[in-house]
Amino acid sequence: MLISNAYAQGAAAPGGGDMLTMMLFPIIIIVFFFIMTRQQSKRAKEHKALIEGLQKGDEVVVSGMLGKVTKVGDAFVDLEVSKDVVVQVQKQSITTVLPKGTMR
């Protein structure tokens, strides 16, 4: 015989794509974790720089309260929130330093 018989090839192993899916899911979770961690550490560095740069006369926001820094200590800051009304707050609670002249 010059022509050989053609036989059907065996079927592919079922579930070949499952391995790819099982590897892809943890990779996506790891990438997402690193993106979130990077943003959080960047925000923490910015806040630390803001706290270290505080000085007398800065106008800041603390928990929605606007005040002017009158004294800077190691862990606490004295804020003048109104004329002759001084409040002592923790440095870490300061969220924003505002431009000079905001309190009027």
N, C-alpha and C. Protein backbone atom coordinates (compact mmCIF):
# COMPACT_ATOMS: atom_id res chain seq x y z
N MET A 1 0.83 -1.18 0.00
CA MET A 1 0.00 0.00 0.00
C MET A 1 0.87 1.24 0.00
N LEU A 2 0.48 2.14 -0.82
CA LEU A 2 1.22 3.38 -0.92
C LEU A 2 0.69 4.44 0.06
N ILE A 3 -0.53 4.39 0.40
CA ILE A 3 -1.13 5.38 1.31
C ILE A 3 -1.44 4.67 2.63
N SER A 4 -0.95 5.28 3.70
CA SER A 4 -1.22 4.68 5.00
C SER A 4 -2.55 5.19 5.54
N ASN A 5 -3.10 4.46 6.45
CA ASN A 5 -4.39 4.85 7.04
C ASN A 5 -4.22 6.05 7.96
N ALA A 6 -5.18 6.95 7.95
CA ALA A 6 -5.15 8.12 8.83
C ALA A 6 -6.01 7.83 10.05
N TYR A 7 -5.42 7.96 11.21
CA TYR A 7 -6.14 7.72 12.45
C TYR A 7 -6.33 9.05 13.18
N ALA A 8 -7.40 9.15 13.95
CA ALA A 8 -7.68 10.39 14.71
C ALA A 8 -6.65 10.50 15.84
N GLN A 9 -6.23 11.75 16.05
CA GLN A 9 -5.28 12.00 17.13
C GLN A 9 -6.00 11.93 18.47
N GLY A 10 -5.27 11.62 19.51
CA GLY A 10 -5.85 11.57 20.84
C GLY A 10 -6.29 12.97 21.29
N ALA A 11 -7.31 13.05 22.07
CA ALA A 11 -7.83 14.34 22.55
C ALA A 11 -6.84 14.98 23.52
N ALA A 12 -6.85 16.33 23.57
CA ALA A 12 -5.97 17.06 24.49
C ALA A 12 -6.40 16.79 25.92
N ALA A 13 -5.44 16.87 26.81
CA ALA A 13 -5.74 16.62 28.22
C ALA A 13 -6.72 17.68 28.73
N PRO A 14 -7.80 17.29 29.37
CA PRO A 14 -8.76 18.29 29.87
C PRO A 14 -8.16 19.10 31.02
N GLY A 15 -8.54 20.36 31.08
CA GLY A 15 -8.09 21.21 32.20
C GLY A 15 -6.72 21.83 31.98
N GLY A 16 -6.27 21.93 30.76
CA GLY A 16 -4.97 22.50 30.49
C GLY A 16 -4.91 23.98 30.85
N GLY A 17 -6.00 24.71 30.77
CA GLY A 17 -6.04 26.14 31.08
C GLY A 17 -6.17 26.41 32.57
N ASP A 18 -6.49 25.42 33.37
CA ASP A 18 -6.66 25.61 34.81
C ASP A 18 -5.36 26.00 35.48
N MET A 19 -4.24 25.46 35.01
CA MET A 19 -2.95 25.77 35.62
C MET A 19 -2.61 27.25 35.40
N LEU A 20 -2.90 27.75 34.21
CA LEU A 20 -2.65 29.15 33.91
C LEU A 20 -3.50 30.05 34.81
N THR A 21 -4.75 29.69 34.99
CA THR A 21 -5.64 30.46 35.85
C THR A 21 -5.17 30.42 37.30
N MET A 22 -4.72 29.26 37.74
CA MET A 22 -4.26 29.12 39.12
C MET A 22 -2.99 29.94 39.36
N MET A 23 -2.16 30.13 38.36
CA MET A 23 -0.95 30.94 38.51
C MET A 23 -1.24 32.43 38.36
N LEU A 24 -2.19 32.77 37.52
CA LEU A 24 -2.50 34.17 37.25
C LEU A 24 -3.16 34.85 38.44
N PHE A 25 -4.03 34.17 39.13
CA PHE A 25 -4.74 34.77 40.26
C PHE A 25 -3.80 35.23 41.38
N PRO A 26 -2.87 34.40 41.85
CA PRO A 26 -1.93 34.88 42.89
C PRO A 26 -1.02 36.01 42.40
N ILE A 27 -0.65 35.98 41.12
CA ILE A 27 0.18 37.05 40.58
C ILE A 27 -0.56 38.38 40.63
N ILE A 28 -1.83 38.38 40.27
CA ILE A 28 -2.64 39.61 40.32
C ILE A 28 -2.74 40.10 41.76
N ILE A 29 -2.94 39.21 42.71
CA ILE A 29 -3.04 39.60 44.12
C ILE A 29 -1.72 40.20 44.61
N ILE A 30 -0.59 39.61 44.23
CA ILE A 30 0.72 40.12 44.65
C ILE A 30 0.97 41.50 44.07
N VAL A 31 0.68 41.70 42.80
CA VAL A 31 0.87 43.02 42.17
C VAL A 31 -0.02 44.05 42.84
N PHE A 32 -1.26 43.72 43.08
CA PHE A 32 -2.19 44.64 43.75
C PHE A 32 -1.68 45.00 45.14
N PHE A 33 -1.15 44.03 45.87
CA PHE A 33 -0.61 44.26 47.21
C PHE A 33 0.54 45.26 47.16
N PHE A 34 1.47 45.07 46.23
CA PHE A 34 2.62 45.97 46.13
C PHE A 34 2.21 47.38 45.71
N ILE A 35 1.22 47.50 44.85
CA ILE A 35 0.74 48.83 44.46
C ILE A 35 0.14 49.54 45.67
N MET A 36 -0.67 48.85 46.44
CA MET A 36 -1.30 49.46 47.62
C MET A 36 -0.25 49.80 48.68
N THR A 37 0.72 48.93 48.89
CA THR A 37 1.75 49.16 49.90
C THR A 37 2.61 50.36 49.52
N ARG A 38 2.92 50.51 48.26
CA ARG A 38 3.73 51.64 47.80
C ARG A 38 3.00 52.95 48.04
N GLN A 39 1.74 53.01 47.72
CA GLN A 39 0.97 54.24 47.93
C GLN A 39 0.90 54.58 49.41
N GLN A 40 0.70 53.57 50.25
CA GLN A 40 0.59 53.81 51.68
C GLN A 40 1.91 54.32 52.26
N SER A 41 3.02 53.74 51.84
CA SER A 41 4.31 54.19 52.36
C SER A 41 4.65 55.59 51.86
N LYS A 42 4.25 55.91 50.65
CA LYS A 42 4.47 57.26 50.12
C LYS A 42 3.68 58.28 50.94
N ARG A 43 2.44 57.95 51.24
CA ARG A 43 1.59 58.84 52.04
C ARG A 43 2.16 59.01 53.45
N ALA A 44 2.68 57.94 54.02
CA ALA A 44 3.28 58.01 55.36
C ALA A 44 4.52 58.89 55.37
N LYS A 45 5.35 58.80 54.35
CA LYS A 45 6.54 59.64 54.25
C LYS A 45 6.16 61.11 54.13
N GLU A 46 5.14 61.41 53.33
CA GLU A 46 4.69 62.80 53.18
C GLU A 46 4.18 63.35 54.50
N HIS A 47 3.43 62.55 55.26
CA HIS A 47 2.89 63.00 56.54
C HIS A 47 4.01 63.21 57.54
N LYS A 48 5.01 62.34 57.53
CA LYS A 48 6.14 62.49 58.44
C LYS A 48 6.90 63.78 58.13
N ALA A 49 7.10 64.08 56.85
CA ALA A 49 7.78 65.32 56.46
C ALA A 49 6.95 66.54 56.88
N LEU A 50 5.63 66.44 56.76
CA LEU A 50 4.74 67.53 57.17
C LEU A 50 4.87 67.78 58.68
N ILE A 51 4.88 66.72 59.47
CA ILE A 51 4.98 66.84 60.93
C ILE A 51 6.34 67.40 61.34
N GLU A 52 7.40 66.92 60.71
CA GLU A 52 8.74 67.40 61.06
C GLU A 52 8.97 68.85 60.65
N GLY A 53 8.25 69.32 59.64
CA GLY A 53 8.42 70.68 59.15
C GLY A 53 7.55 71.71 59.85
N LEU A 54 6.80 71.29 60.86
CA LEU A 54 5.93 72.25 61.57
C LEU A 54 6.76 73.30 62.30
N GLN A 55 6.27 74.53 62.27
CA GLN A 55 6.92 75.59 63.00
C GLN A 55 5.89 76.59 63.49
N LYS A 56 6.31 77.42 64.41
CA LYS A 56 5.42 78.41 65.00
C LYS A 56 4.89 79.35 63.89
N GLY A 57 3.59 79.60 63.93
CA GLY A 57 2.97 80.48 62.95
C GLY A 57 2.28 79.75 61.81
N ASP A 58 2.51 78.44 61.67
CA ASP A 58 1.84 77.66 60.63
C ASP A 58 0.35 77.55 60.95
N GLU A 59 -0.46 77.56 59.91
CA GLU A 59 -1.90 77.36 60.07
C GLU A 59 -2.21 75.94 59.62
N VAL A 60 -2.86 75.17 60.51
CA VAL A 60 -3.06 73.75 60.27
C VAL A 60 -4.51 73.34 60.50
N VAL A 61 -4.84 72.15 59.99
CA VAL A 61 -6.16 71.55 60.22
C VAL A 61 -5.94 70.30 61.07
N VAL A 62 -6.72 70.20 62.16
CA VAL A 62 -6.68 69.04 63.05
C VAL A 62 -8.11 68.57 63.24
N SER A 63 -8.43 67.41 62.71
CA SER A 63 -9.77 66.82 62.86
C SER A 63 -10.87 67.81 62.50
N GLY A 64 -10.68 68.55 61.44
CA GLY A 64 -11.68 69.50 60.99
C GLY A 64 -11.62 70.84 61.71
N MET A 65 -10.70 71.01 62.62
CA MET A 65 -10.56 72.26 63.38
C MET A 65 -9.35 73.02 62.85
N LEU A 66 -9.55 74.30 62.57
CA LEU A 66 -8.50 75.15 62.04
C LEU A 66 -7.82 75.88 63.17
N GLY A 67 -6.48 75.93 63.16
CA GLY A 67 -5.77 76.61 64.22
C GLY A 67 -4.41 77.08 63.77
N LYS A 68 -3.82 77.96 64.57
CA LYS A 68 -2.49 78.50 64.29
C LYS A 68 -1.53 77.96 65.34
N VAL A 69 -0.40 77.45 64.91
CA VAL A 69 0.59 76.85 65.81
C VAL A 69 1.27 77.96 66.61
N THR A 70 1.21 77.82 67.95
CA THR A 70 1.86 78.80 68.82
C THR A 70 3.09 78.23 69.49
N LYS A 71 3.15 76.89 69.64
CA LYS A 71 4.30 76.25 70.27
C LYS A 71 4.42 74.83 69.75
N VAL A 72 5.65 74.43 69.41
CA VAL A 72 5.89 73.08 68.89
C VAL A 72 6.75 72.33 69.90
N GLY A 73 6.23 71.20 70.39
CA GLY A 73 6.99 70.35 71.30
C GLY A 73 7.42 69.07 70.60
N ASP A 74 7.90 68.11 71.37
CA ASP A 74 8.32 66.84 70.79
C ASP A 74 7.14 66.03 70.27
N ALA A 75 6.09 65.91 71.07
CA ALA A 75 4.94 65.09 70.69
C ALA A 75 3.66 65.91 70.58
N PHE A 76 3.64 67.12 71.15
CA PHE A 76 2.42 67.92 71.16
C PHE A 76 2.66 69.30 70.54
N VAL A 77 1.58 69.89 70.07
CA VAL A 77 1.60 71.22 69.47
C VAL A 77 0.50 72.04 70.12
N ASP A 78 0.79 73.30 70.44
CA ASP A 78 -0.24 74.20 70.95
C ASP A 78 -0.83 74.97 69.78
N LEU A 79 -2.17 74.93 69.67
CA LEU A 79 -2.87 75.61 68.59
C LEU A 79 -3.75 76.71 69.17
N GLU A 80 -3.70 77.85 68.55
CA GLU A 80 -4.61 78.93 68.91
C GLU A 80 -5.77 78.85 67.93
N VAL A 81 -6.94 78.43 68.43
CA VAL A 81 -8.11 78.24 67.58
C VAL A 81 -8.99 79.48 67.54
N SER A 82 -8.85 80.33 68.52
CA SER A 82 -9.56 81.59 68.60
C SER A 82 -8.70 82.52 69.46
N LYS A 83 -9.07 83.78 69.53
CA LYS A 83 -8.28 84.71 70.32
C LYS A 83 -8.26 84.25 71.78
N ASP A 84 -7.07 84.07 72.32
CA ASP A 84 -6.84 83.64 73.70
C ASP A 84 -7.40 82.24 74.02
N VAL A 85 -7.63 81.42 73.01
CA VAL A 85 -8.06 80.04 73.22
C VAL A 85 -6.99 79.13 72.60
N VAL A 86 -6.22 78.46 73.46
CA VAL A 86 -5.13 77.60 73.01
C VAL A 86 -5.47 76.16 73.36
N VAL A 87 -5.32 75.28 72.37
CA VAL A 87 -5.60 73.86 72.53
C VAL A 87 -4.32 73.09 72.27
N GLN A 88 -4.06 72.08 73.11
CA GLN A 88 -2.88 71.26 72.92
C GLN A 88 -3.30 69.96 72.24
N VAL A 89 -2.66 69.64 71.09
CA VAL A 89 -3.00 68.43 70.32
C VAL A 89 -1.72 67.65 70.00
N GLN A 90 -1.90 66.38 69.68
CA GLN A 90 -0.76 65.57 69.26
C GLN A 90 -0.33 65.96 67.85
N LYS A 91 0.95 65.89 67.61
CA LYS A 91 1.47 66.22 66.28
C LYS A 91 0.88 65.30 65.21
N GLN A 92 0.74 64.03 65.53
CA GLN A 92 0.27 63.06 64.55
C GLN A 92 -1.17 63.31 64.09
N SER A 93 -1.94 64.08 64.86
CA SER A 93 -3.33 64.32 64.48
C SER A 93 -3.46 65.45 63.46
N ILE A 94 -2.40 66.15 63.18
CA ILE A 94 -2.44 67.23 62.19
C ILE A 94 -2.50 66.61 60.80
N THR A 95 -3.50 67.03 60.03
CA THR A 95 -3.70 66.44 58.71
C THR A 95 -3.18 67.31 57.58
N THR A 96 -3.29 68.64 57.71
CA THR A 96 -2.93 69.52 56.61
C THR A 96 -2.30 70.81 57.14
N VAL A 97 -1.30 71.30 56.43
CA VAL A 97 -0.76 72.63 56.70
C VAL A 97 -1.30 73.53 55.61
N LEU A 98 -1.96 74.61 56.02
CA LEU A 98 -2.61 75.53 55.09
C LEU A 98 -1.68 76.69 54.75
N PRO A 99 -1.95 77.38 53.65
CA PRO A 99 -1.17 78.57 53.31
C PRO A 99 -1.40 79.67 54.34
N LYS A 100 -0.39 80.50 54.54
CA LYS A 100 -0.50 81.61 55.51
C LYS A 100 -1.64 82.53 55.07
N GLY A 101 -2.37 83.04 56.06
CA GLY A 101 -3.47 83.96 55.79
C GLY A 101 -4.81 83.28 55.60
N THR A 102 -4.88 81.99 55.79
CA THR A 102 -6.15 81.27 55.64
C THR A 102 -7.09 81.60 56.79
N MET A 103 -6.55 81.76 57.99
CA MET A 103 -7.36 82.07 59.18
C MET A 103 -7.62 83.57 59.23
N ARG A 104 -8.76 83.98 58.82
CA ARG A 104 -9.13 85.39 58.93
C ARG A 104 -10.57 85.53 59.24
